[in-house]
Amino acid sequence: MARMMAPTRGEQLRPELDLTRTVGYLSARVGQAFQRSLVTKLRAAGYSITVEEWRLMRALWAEDGLPQARLGELALKDKGQLSRMISRLVSEGWVERRVDLADRRTPRIHLTAAGRRLEAKLLPLGGAVRASAVRGIDEHTLAAAVSALEQMQRNLDTESPS
């Protein structure tokens, strides 16, 4: 079977391009596939954490003590949704809310010892998903894809600020 060539930039701009070949559609599908694969691996390992909660934990493993508002930006959630997610992580014993002495309006979220221990168990699962996703893609192509997606995000952010 002949491999279909990727649509050119000009073709991407044509309204009659097959939906399944558009950047928006493909990026949404890839995002869904990442989430499905991660959830499958998490469940198989015995964890009931959601992808959104995973993002929060991932952000805290990288930088503990983030302001709750910053976590909301990273998790792509509004205040109410974020508050419920953090409450669940608190009830699991993985994080705790602490008052930010510099700005009492927004708490900072800190990992507990149990939350820190979870990193060694869960990060490899995310790494396995990424490794699976990029299998067969050379470094140059992957770097170009990431760069293109980042530029698209910047383009769209300037068009419709949140």
Protein backbone atom coordinates (compact mmCIF):
# COMPACT_ATOMS: atom_id res chain seq x y z
CA MET A 1 0.00 0.00 0.00
CA ALA A 2 1.42 3.41 -0.98
CA ARG A 3 2.03 5.80 1.88
CA MET A 4 0.02 9.01 1.71
CA MET A 5 2.14 12.14 1.66
CA ALA A 6 1.50 14.69 4.38
CA PRO A 7 -0.55 17.65 3.16
CA THR A 8 1.59 20.65 2.29
CA ARG A 9 1.17 23.99 4.06
CA GLY A 10 -0.88 25.25 1.14
CA GLU A 11 -3.07 22.15 1.21
CA GLN A 12 -3.62 22.57 4.97
CA LEU A 13 -5.15 25.97 4.23
CA ARG A 14 -7.67 24.64 1.70
CA PRO A 15 -11.16 24.25 3.17
CA GLU A 16 -11.84 21.10 1.14
CA LEU A 17 -8.93 19.17 2.70
CA ASP A 18 -10.09 15.86 4.17
CA LEU A 19 -10.85 16.52 7.86
CA THR A 20 -8.76 13.56 9.00
CA ARG A 21 -5.64 15.11 7.41
CA THR A 22 -5.89 18.53 9.09
CA VAL A 23 -3.46 19.65 11.78
CA GLY A 24 -6.25 20.39 14.26
CA TYR A 25 -7.92 17.02 13.83
CA LEU A 26 -4.66 15.07 13.95
CA SER A 27 -3.36 16.92 17.01
CA ALA A 28 -6.65 16.25 18.82
CA ARG A 29 -6.50 12.56 17.88
CA VAL A 30 -2.89 12.26 19.03
CA GLY A 31 -3.79 13.96 22.33
CA GLN A 32 -6.65 11.52 22.86
CA ALA A 33 -4.41 8.57 22.02
CA PHE A 34 -1.78 9.77 24.52
CA GLN A 35 -4.46 10.03 27.20
CA ARG A 36 -5.95 6.60 26.45
CA SER A 37 -2.54 4.96 26.51
CA LEU A 38 -1.56 6.68 29.77
CA VAL A 39 -4.84 5.75 31.48
CA THR A 40 -4.42 2.14 30.33
CA LYS A 41 -0.92 1.99 31.80
CA LEU A 42 -1.97 3.70 35.04
CA ARG A 43 -4.92 1.33 35.54
CA ALA A 44 -2.79 -1.72 34.74
CA ALA A 45 -0.35 -0.56 37.44
CA GLY A 46 -3.23 -0.23 39.92
CA TYR A 47 -3.62 3.58 40.01
CA SER A 48 -6.94 5.40 39.60
CA ILE A 49 -5.36 8.79 38.91
CA THR A 50 -6.87 10.72 35.98
CA VAL A 51 -4.85 12.28 33.16
CA GLU A 52 -5.65 15.73 34.53
CA GLU A 53 -4.45 14.73 38.00
CA TRP A 54 -1.38 13.20 36.37
CA ARG A 55 -0.60 16.60 34.79
CA LEU A 56 -0.82 18.27 38.21
CA MET A 57 1.46 15.70 39.79
CA ARG A 58 3.88 15.92 36.85
CA ALA A 59 4.07 19.70 37.28
CA LEU A 60 4.69 19.33 41.02
CA TRP A 61 7.37 16.68 40.51
CA ALA A 62 9.14 19.22 38.28
CA GLU A 63 8.57 22.15 40.66
CA ASP A 64 7.07 21.52 44.07
CA GLY A 65 5.07 24.27 45.77
CA LEU A 66 3.49 25.83 42.70
CA PRO A 67 0.69 28.36 43.21
CA GLN A 68 -2.73 26.81 42.68
CA ALA A 69 -3.44 29.31 39.87
CA ARG A 70 -0.35 28.16 37.94
CA LEU A 71 -1.44 24.54 38.28
CA GLY A 72 -4.79 25.53 36.79
CA GLU A 73 -3.02 26.92 33.72
CA LEU A 74 -0.97 23.74 33.31
CA ALA A 75 -3.95 21.44 33.83
CA LEU A 76 -6.16 23.49 31.48
CA LYS A 77 -8.87 23.66 34.17
CA ASP A 78 -10.98 26.44 35.68
CA LYS A 79 -10.86 27.26 39.40
CA GLY A 80 -13.76 24.99 40.39
CA GLN A 81 -12.51 21.96 38.48
CA LEU A 82 -8.99 22.53 39.73
CA SER A 83 -10.10 22.84 43.34
CA ARG A 84 -11.93 19.49 43.13
CA MET A 85 -8.91 17.83 41.52
CA ILE A 86 -6.57 19.13 44.20
CA SER A 87 -9.01 18.06 46.92
CA ARG A 88 -8.91 14.53 45.54
CA LEU A 89 -5.10 14.55 45.49
CA VAL A 90 -5.17 15.82 49.09
CA SER A 91 -7.55 13.00 50.08
CA GLU A 92 -5.17 10.48 48.45
CA GLY A 93 -2.41 11.90 50.66
CA TRP A 94 -0.26 12.96 47.70
CA VAL A 95 -0.37 16.76 48.08
CA GLU A 96 -1.23 19.42 50.63
CA ARG A 97 -2.36 23.02 50.37
CA ARG A 98 -0.25 25.63 52.16
CA VAL A 99 -0.83 29.34 52.61
CA ASP A 100 1.45 31.49 50.47
CA LEU A 101 2.75 34.11 52.87
CA ALA A 102 3.50 36.47 49.97
CA ASP A 103 -0.02 36.16 48.51
CA ARG A 104 -2.66 34.72 50.83
CA ARG A 105 -5.28 34.72 48.03
CA THR A 106 -3.86 31.68 46.31
CA PRO A 107 -2.52 28.63 48.13
CA ARG A 108 0.60 26.81 47.07
CA ILE A 109 0.37 23.09 46.45
CA HIS A 110 3.12 20.91 47.88
CA LEU A 111 3.88 17.23 47.48
CA THR A 112 3.72 15.04 50.54
CA ALA A 113 6.29 12.29 51.08
CA ALA A 114 3.79 9.85 49.52
CA GLY A 115 3.40 12.15 46.51
CA ARG A 116 7.17 12.28 46.05
CA ARG A 117 7.43 8.49 46.24
CA LEU A 118 4.75 8.20 43.56
CA GLU A 119 7.05 9.92 41.05
CA ALA A 120 9.35 6.89 40.80
CA LYS A 121 6.36 4.66 40.10
CA LEU A 122 4.35 6.83 37.70
CA LEU A 123 6.91 8.79 35.66
CA PRO A 124 8.17 5.66 33.88
CA LEU A 125 4.60 4.96 32.74
CA GLY A 126 4.40 8.37 31.06
CA GLY A 127 7.84 7.80 29.56
CA ALA A 128 6.66 4.50 28.10
CA VAL A 129 3.70 6.26 26.45
CA ARG A 130 5.98 8.90 24.94
CA ALA A 131 8.46 6.26 23.76
CA SER A 132 5.66 4.35 22.09
CA ALA A 133 4.29 7.50 20.45
CA VAL A 134 7.61 8.59 18.94
CA ARG A 135 8.77 5.14 17.84
CA GLY A 136 10.13 5.35 14.30
CA ILE A 137 10.40 9.17 14.31
CA ASP A 138 13.92 10.58 14.05
CA GLU A 139 15.05 13.35 16.42
CA HIS A 140 15.04 16.06 13.75
CA THR A 141 11.46 15.29 12.69
CA LEU A 142 10.28 15.12 16.29
CA ALA A 143 11.97 18.43 17.17
CA ALA A 144 10.40 20.04 14.09
CA ALA A 145 6.95 18.71 15.05
CA VAL A 146 7.24 20.05 18.61
CA SER A 147 8.50 23.39 17.31
CA ALA A 148 5.62 23.62 14.83
CA LEU A 149 3.03 22.83 17.52
CA GLU A 150 4.56 25.44 19.85
CA GLN A 151 4.39 28.05 17.08
CA MET A 152 0.76 27.15 16.33
CA GLN A 153 -0.02 27.58 20.04
CA ARG A 154 1.63 31.02 20.08
CA ASN A 155 -0.21 32.02 16.90
CA LEU A 156 -3.57 31.01 18.33
CA ASP A 157 -2.85 32.51 21.77
CA THR A 158 -2.25 35.92 20.21
CA GLU A 159 -5.46 35.61 18.18
CA SER A 160 -7.70 34.77 21.10
CA PRO A 161 -6.17 35.70 24.45
CA SER A 162 -7.75 33.89 27.39
